N, C-alpha and C. Protein backbone atom coordinates (compact mmCIF):
# COMPACT_ATOMS: atom_id res chain seq x y z
N MET A 1 112.53 95.87 69.31
CA MET A 1 112.76 96.94 70.27
C MET A 1 113.20 96.35 71.60
N THR A 2 114.27 96.86 72.16
CA THR A 2 114.75 96.40 73.45
C THR A 2 113.90 96.99 74.56
N ALA A 3 113.58 96.18 75.56
CA ALA A 3 112.80 96.67 76.69
C ALA A 3 113.63 97.67 77.49
N LEU A 4 113.13 98.87 77.62
CA LEU A 4 113.85 99.97 78.26
C LEU A 4 114.34 99.61 79.66
N LEU A 5 113.52 98.93 80.42
CA LEU A 5 113.85 98.65 81.83
C LEU A 5 114.19 97.18 82.07
N ALA A 6 114.62 96.48 81.05
CA ALA A 6 114.96 95.06 81.20
C ALA A 6 115.99 94.88 82.31
N GLY A 7 115.65 94.01 83.27
CA GLY A 7 116.56 93.71 84.36
C GLY A 7 116.62 94.75 85.46
N ARG A 8 115.83 95.79 85.37
CA ARG A 8 115.88 96.88 86.36
C ARG A 8 114.91 96.64 87.51
N ARG A 9 115.32 97.14 88.69
CA ARG A 9 114.48 97.13 89.90
C ARG A 9 114.05 98.56 90.17
N ILE A 10 112.75 98.78 90.23
CA ILE A 10 112.21 100.13 90.38
C ILE A 10 111.37 100.23 91.65
N LEU A 11 111.58 101.31 92.39
CA LEU A 11 110.75 101.62 93.56
C LEU A 11 109.74 102.67 93.13
N VAL A 12 108.47 102.39 93.42
CA VAL A 12 107.40 103.34 93.14
C VAL A 12 106.74 103.68 94.48
N VAL A 13 106.74 104.96 94.80
CA VAL A 13 106.12 105.43 96.05
C VAL A 13 104.89 106.24 95.65
N GLU A 14 103.73 105.63 95.85
CA GLU A 14 102.47 106.21 95.40
C GLU A 14 101.35 105.71 96.30
N ASP A 15 100.50 106.62 96.78
CA ASP A 15 99.42 106.23 97.70
C ASP A 15 98.07 106.09 97.02
N GLU A 16 97.96 106.39 95.74
CA GLU A 16 96.69 106.23 95.02
C GLU A 16 96.74 104.92 94.24
N MET A 17 95.91 103.96 94.63
CA MET A 17 95.97 102.61 94.08
C MET A 17 95.80 102.57 92.56
N LEU A 18 94.85 103.32 92.02
CA LEU A 18 94.63 103.31 90.58
C LEU A 18 95.86 103.83 89.83
N VAL A 19 96.44 104.90 90.32
CA VAL A 19 97.65 105.45 89.71
C VAL A 19 98.79 104.43 89.79
N LEU A 20 98.94 103.80 90.95
CA LEU A 20 99.98 102.79 91.13
C LEU A 20 99.81 101.64 90.15
N MET A 21 98.59 101.18 89.97
CA MET A 21 98.35 100.07 89.04
C MET A 21 98.73 100.46 87.61
N GLN A 22 98.44 101.68 87.21
CA GLN A 22 98.81 102.15 85.88
C GLN A 22 100.32 102.22 85.72
N ILE A 23 101.01 102.69 86.74
CA ILE A 23 102.47 102.77 86.70
C ILE A 23 103.06 101.37 86.62
N GLU A 24 102.57 100.46 87.45
CA GLU A 24 103.08 99.09 87.43
C GLU A 24 102.90 98.43 86.06
N THR A 25 101.74 98.64 85.45
CA THR A 25 101.49 98.07 84.13
C THR A 25 102.48 98.62 83.11
N ALA A 26 102.69 99.92 83.13
CA ALA A 26 103.63 100.53 82.18
C ALA A 26 105.05 100.02 82.41
N LEU A 27 105.47 99.91 83.67
CA LEU A 27 106.83 99.44 83.97
C LEU A 27 107.01 97.98 83.55
N GLU A 28 105.98 97.16 83.76
CA GLU A 28 106.05 95.77 83.31
C GLU A 28 106.19 95.69 81.80
N GLU A 29 105.44 96.52 81.09
CA GLU A 29 105.53 96.54 79.63
C GLU A 29 106.91 97.00 79.15
N LEU A 30 107.59 97.77 79.97
CA LEU A 30 108.94 98.24 79.64
C LEU A 30 110.01 97.23 80.04
N GLY A 31 109.59 96.08 80.56
CA GLY A 31 110.51 95.00 80.87
C GLY A 31 111.11 95.01 82.25
N CYS A 32 110.58 95.82 83.13
CA CYS A 32 111.11 95.92 84.49
C CYS A 32 111.10 94.54 85.15
N SER A 33 112.21 94.17 85.80
CA SER A 33 112.28 92.85 86.42
C SER A 33 111.66 92.81 87.81
N ALA A 34 111.62 93.95 88.50
CA ALA A 34 111.02 94.00 89.83
C ALA A 34 110.47 95.41 90.09
N ILE A 35 109.24 95.45 90.53
CA ILE A 35 108.60 96.71 90.89
C ILE A 35 108.18 96.59 92.35
N CYS A 36 108.72 97.44 93.18
CA CYS A 36 108.36 97.45 94.59
C CYS A 36 107.57 98.72 94.86
N ALA A 37 106.42 98.57 95.48
CA ALA A 37 105.54 99.70 95.72
C ALA A 37 105.42 99.98 97.21
N ALA A 38 105.43 101.27 97.53
CA ALA A 38 105.23 101.73 98.90
C ALA A 38 104.20 102.84 98.87
N ALA A 39 103.34 102.88 99.89
CA ALA A 39 102.28 103.88 99.94
C ALA A 39 102.53 104.96 100.98
N SER A 40 103.64 104.85 101.71
CA SER A 40 103.94 105.84 102.74
C SER A 40 105.45 106.05 102.82
N VAL A 41 105.83 107.12 103.47
CA VAL A 41 107.26 107.41 103.67
C VAL A 41 107.91 106.29 104.47
N ALA A 42 107.27 105.86 105.55
CA ALA A 42 107.85 104.81 106.39
C ALA A 42 108.05 103.51 105.61
N GLU A 43 107.08 103.14 104.81
CA GLU A 43 107.17 101.93 104.02
C GLU A 43 108.31 102.03 102.99
N ALA A 44 108.42 103.17 102.34
CA ALA A 44 109.48 103.37 101.34
C ALA A 44 110.86 103.34 101.99
N LEU A 45 111.01 103.99 103.15
CA LEU A 45 112.30 103.99 103.83
C LEU A 45 112.70 102.59 104.27
N ALA A 46 111.73 101.80 104.71
CA ALA A 46 112.01 100.41 105.11
C ALA A 46 112.48 99.60 103.90
N MET A 47 111.85 99.80 102.76
CA MET A 47 112.27 99.09 101.55
C MET A 47 113.68 99.50 101.14
N LEU A 48 113.96 100.79 101.22
CA LEU A 48 115.28 101.28 100.84
C LEU A 48 116.36 100.77 101.78
N ALA A 49 116.01 100.55 103.03
CA ALA A 49 116.98 100.06 104.00
C ALA A 49 117.39 98.63 103.71
N GLY A 50 116.50 97.85 103.09
CA GLY A 50 116.79 96.44 102.91
C GLY A 50 116.98 95.97 101.48
N GLN A 51 116.82 96.86 100.50
CA GLN A 51 116.89 96.45 99.11
C GLN A 51 117.64 97.48 98.28
N SER A 52 118.05 97.06 97.09
CA SER A 52 118.69 97.99 96.18
C SER A 52 117.75 98.21 94.98
N PHE A 53 117.83 99.39 94.41
CA PHE A 53 116.99 99.77 93.28
C PHE A 53 117.82 100.48 92.24
N ASP A 54 117.36 100.39 90.99
CA ASP A 54 118.04 101.08 89.89
C ASP A 54 117.50 102.48 89.67
N ALA A 55 116.25 102.71 90.05
CA ALA A 55 115.61 104.02 89.90
C ALA A 55 114.34 104.02 90.73
N ALA A 56 113.76 105.21 90.89
CA ALA A 56 112.54 105.33 91.67
C ALA A 56 111.69 106.47 91.15
N MET A 57 110.39 106.36 91.42
CA MET A 57 109.46 107.43 91.16
C MET A 57 108.66 107.63 92.43
N ILE A 58 108.64 108.86 92.92
CA ILE A 58 107.96 109.11 94.19
C ILE A 58 106.96 110.26 94.07
N ASP A 59 105.77 109.98 94.57
CA ASP A 59 104.73 111.00 94.66
C ASP A 59 105.14 111.97 95.75
N VAL A 60 104.98 113.25 95.50
CA VAL A 60 105.38 114.26 96.48
C VAL A 60 104.51 114.21 97.72
N ASN A 61 103.20 114.08 97.53
CA ASN A 61 102.26 114.13 98.64
C ASN A 61 101.66 112.75 98.87
N LEU A 62 101.98 112.17 100.00
CA LEU A 62 101.47 110.83 100.35
C LEU A 62 100.49 110.98 101.50
N GLY A 63 99.24 111.18 101.17
CA GLY A 63 98.22 111.34 102.19
C GLY A 63 98.49 112.49 103.13
N GLY A 64 98.99 113.60 102.61
CA GLY A 64 99.30 114.77 103.43
C GLY A 64 100.73 114.81 103.94
N GLU A 65 101.47 113.73 103.77
CA GLU A 65 102.86 113.67 104.21
C GLU A 65 103.78 113.86 103.00
N LYS A 66 104.74 114.76 103.11
CA LYS A 66 105.68 114.98 102.02
C LYS A 66 106.70 113.84 101.98
N SER A 67 107.09 113.47 100.77
CA SER A 67 108.01 112.33 100.57
C SER A 67 109.48 112.72 100.58
N TYR A 68 109.82 113.89 101.05
CA TYR A 68 111.21 114.36 101.02
C TYR A 68 112.20 113.44 101.76
N PRO A 69 111.82 112.80 102.87
CA PRO A 69 112.78 111.87 103.48
C PRO A 69 113.18 110.72 102.54
N VAL A 70 112.25 110.29 101.71
CA VAL A 70 112.55 109.25 100.72
C VAL A 70 113.50 109.81 99.67
N ALA A 71 113.22 111.01 99.19
CA ALA A 71 114.09 111.66 98.21
C ALA A 71 115.49 111.86 98.78
N ASP A 72 115.57 112.23 100.04
CA ASP A 72 116.88 112.40 100.68
C ASP A 72 117.66 111.09 100.71
N MET A 73 116.99 109.99 101.07
CA MET A 73 117.68 108.70 101.12
C MET A 73 118.10 108.24 99.73
N LEU A 74 117.24 108.44 98.74
CA LEU A 74 117.60 108.08 97.37
C LEU A 74 118.83 108.87 96.92
N THR A 75 118.86 110.14 97.27
CA THR A 75 120.01 110.99 96.91
C THR A 75 121.28 110.47 97.57
N ARG A 76 121.21 110.17 98.87
CA ARG A 76 122.39 109.66 99.59
C ARG A 76 122.89 108.35 98.98
N ARG A 77 121.98 107.52 98.53
CA ARG A 77 122.35 106.22 97.97
C ARG A 77 122.70 106.29 96.49
N GLY A 78 122.55 107.46 95.88
CA GLY A 78 122.89 107.61 94.48
C GLY A 78 121.91 106.95 93.53
N ILE A 79 120.67 106.80 93.94
CA ILE A 79 119.64 106.17 93.11
C ILE A 79 118.88 107.27 92.37
N PRO A 80 118.88 107.23 91.04
CA PRO A 80 118.16 108.27 90.30
C PRO A 80 116.66 108.16 90.54
N PHE A 81 116.00 109.31 90.62
CA PHE A 81 114.56 109.29 90.87
C PHE A 81 113.89 110.50 90.24
N ALA A 82 112.58 110.35 90.09
CA ALA A 82 111.73 111.45 89.62
C ALA A 82 110.59 111.60 90.59
N PHE A 83 110.08 112.81 90.66
CA PHE A 83 108.87 113.08 91.43
C PHE A 83 107.66 112.94 90.52
N SER A 84 106.51 112.64 91.11
CA SER A 84 105.24 112.78 90.41
C SER A 84 104.35 113.60 91.34
N THR A 85 103.53 114.44 90.75
CA THR A 85 102.70 115.30 91.58
C THR A 85 101.49 115.79 90.80
N GLY A 86 100.42 115.99 91.52
CA GLY A 86 99.23 116.59 90.94
C GLY A 86 99.20 118.09 91.13
N TYR A 87 100.26 118.62 91.76
CA TYR A 87 100.36 120.04 92.02
C TYR A 87 101.28 120.68 90.98
N GLY A 88 101.47 121.97 91.05
CA GLY A 88 102.26 122.69 90.06
C GLY A 88 103.73 122.35 90.05
N ASP A 89 104.26 122.00 91.21
CA ASP A 89 105.67 121.65 91.28
C ASP A 89 105.84 120.64 92.40
N HIS A 90 107.08 120.33 92.75
CA HIS A 90 107.28 119.32 93.77
C HIS A 90 107.47 119.91 95.16
N GLY A 91 107.18 121.17 95.33
CA GLY A 91 107.20 121.72 96.67
C GLY A 91 108.31 122.73 96.89
N ASN A 92 108.68 122.87 98.13
CA ASN A 92 109.59 123.95 98.51
C ASN A 92 111.04 123.53 98.68
N ARG A 93 111.42 122.39 98.22
CA ARG A 93 112.80 121.93 98.35
C ARG A 93 113.59 122.31 97.09
N ILE A 94 114.24 123.46 97.14
CA ILE A 94 114.96 123.93 95.95
C ILE A 94 116.14 123.03 95.59
N ASP A 95 116.61 122.23 96.55
CA ASP A 95 117.71 121.31 96.23
C ASP A 95 117.26 120.18 95.32
N PHE A 96 115.96 120.06 95.08
CA PHE A 96 115.45 119.03 94.17
C PHE A 96 114.97 119.61 92.83
N ASN A 97 115.27 120.87 92.58
CA ASN A 97 114.81 121.50 91.34
C ASN A 97 115.34 120.82 90.08
N ASP A 98 116.46 120.11 90.20
CA ASP A 98 117.04 119.45 89.02
C ASP A 98 116.41 118.08 88.76
N ARG A 99 115.54 117.62 89.62
CA ARG A 99 114.93 116.30 89.46
C ARG A 99 113.77 116.35 88.47
N PRO A 100 113.67 115.34 87.62
CA PRO A 100 112.52 115.28 86.72
C PRO A 100 111.23 115.20 87.53
N THR A 101 110.18 115.83 87.00
CA THR A 101 108.89 115.82 87.68
C THR A 101 107.79 115.52 86.68
N LEU A 102 107.05 114.46 86.93
CA LEU A 102 105.88 114.12 86.13
C LEU A 102 104.67 114.81 86.76
N ARG A 103 103.95 115.57 85.96
CA ARG A 103 102.75 116.25 86.45
C ARG A 103 101.53 115.37 86.15
N LYS A 104 100.78 115.06 87.21
CA LYS A 104 99.57 114.25 87.05
C LYS A 104 98.45 115.10 86.50
N PRO A 105 97.61 114.60 85.64
CA PRO A 105 97.72 113.26 85.03
C PRO A 105 98.74 113.29 83.90
N TYR A 106 99.44 112.22 83.72
CA TYR A 106 100.41 112.13 82.64
C TYR A 106 100.11 110.89 81.80
N VAL A 107 100.67 110.88 80.62
CA VAL A 107 100.46 109.75 79.71
C VAL A 107 101.68 108.84 79.74
N ARG A 108 101.51 107.65 79.22
CA ARG A 108 102.58 106.64 79.23
C ARG A 108 103.87 107.17 78.59
N ALA A 109 103.75 107.93 77.52
CA ALA A 109 104.93 108.48 76.84
C ALA A 109 105.75 109.36 77.78
N ASP A 110 105.08 110.11 78.65
CA ASP A 110 105.78 110.95 79.62
C ASP A 110 106.55 110.09 80.63
N LEU A 111 105.91 109.01 81.07
CA LEU A 111 106.55 108.09 82.01
C LEU A 111 107.78 107.46 81.37
N VAL A 112 107.66 107.02 80.13
CA VAL A 112 108.78 106.42 79.41
C VAL A 112 109.92 107.42 79.28
N ALA A 113 109.60 108.66 78.92
CA ALA A 113 110.62 109.69 78.75
C ALA A 113 111.38 109.94 80.06
N VAL A 114 110.67 109.96 81.17
CA VAL A 114 111.32 110.19 82.46
C VAL A 114 112.26 109.03 82.80
N PHE A 115 111.81 107.80 82.59
CA PHE A 115 112.69 106.67 82.90
C PHE A 115 113.86 106.58 81.92
N GLU A 116 113.67 106.99 80.69
CA GLU A 116 114.81 107.06 79.76
C GLU A 116 115.86 108.01 80.31
N GLN A 117 115.40 109.15 80.82
CA GLN A 117 116.30 110.14 81.40
C GLN A 117 116.99 109.59 82.65
N LEU A 118 116.24 108.92 83.51
CA LEU A 118 116.79 108.42 84.76
C LEU A 118 117.87 107.37 84.54
N ILE A 119 117.68 106.49 83.57
CA ILE A 119 118.63 105.39 83.41
C ILE A 119 119.66 105.63 82.32
N ALA A 120 119.63 106.80 81.68
CA ALA A 120 120.54 107.11 80.58
C ALA A 120 122.00 106.86 80.95
N ASP A 121 122.39 107.23 82.14
CA ASP A 121 123.79 107.10 82.55
C ASP A 121 124.04 105.94 83.49
N GLU A 122 123.00 105.13 83.72
CA GLU A 122 123.13 104.00 84.64
C GLU A 122 123.55 102.73 83.88
N PRO A 123 124.52 102.00 84.38
CA PRO A 123 124.88 100.73 83.72
C PRO A 123 123.77 99.70 83.93
N LEU A 124 123.69 98.75 83.01
CA LEU A 124 122.73 97.67 83.17
C LEU A 124 123.10 96.85 84.38
N PRO A 125 122.12 96.30 85.09
CA PRO A 125 122.43 95.46 86.26
C PRO A 125 123.16 94.19 85.83
N ALA A 126 123.99 93.68 86.72
CA ALA A 126 124.73 92.44 86.44
C ALA A 126 123.76 91.27 86.39
N ALA A 127 124.04 90.34 85.53
CA ALA A 127 123.20 89.15 85.43
C ALA A 127 123.32 88.33 86.70
N ALA A 128 122.21 87.74 87.11
CA ALA A 128 122.20 86.95 88.35
C ALA A 128 122.84 85.59 88.15
């Protein structure tokens, strides 16, 4: 079986440490070459300003702060992303209704399915 995320760089924006650790473990098992984690909007925007990513997963609510500025930057840069949330939906931004959304708690199979969807049309990264 080919590793789904072999050679991919993924941004994970999540403020709950246990959830982040589970996501990182799953992404590593899928062959991800780099996982960058941010716990706040400011941290995620700083990472996006200085690095490139193949896909991202962002929690909607980061300690009471909505992650929409991160979603906006990902959209501008053409980086596919999914939301994760413990709430019923990803909030009041109807322009993001087409984005995949993982509802917490989710299982590994759900995470895999979302990343399969995100990278389906993305070319593999060039070899270094």
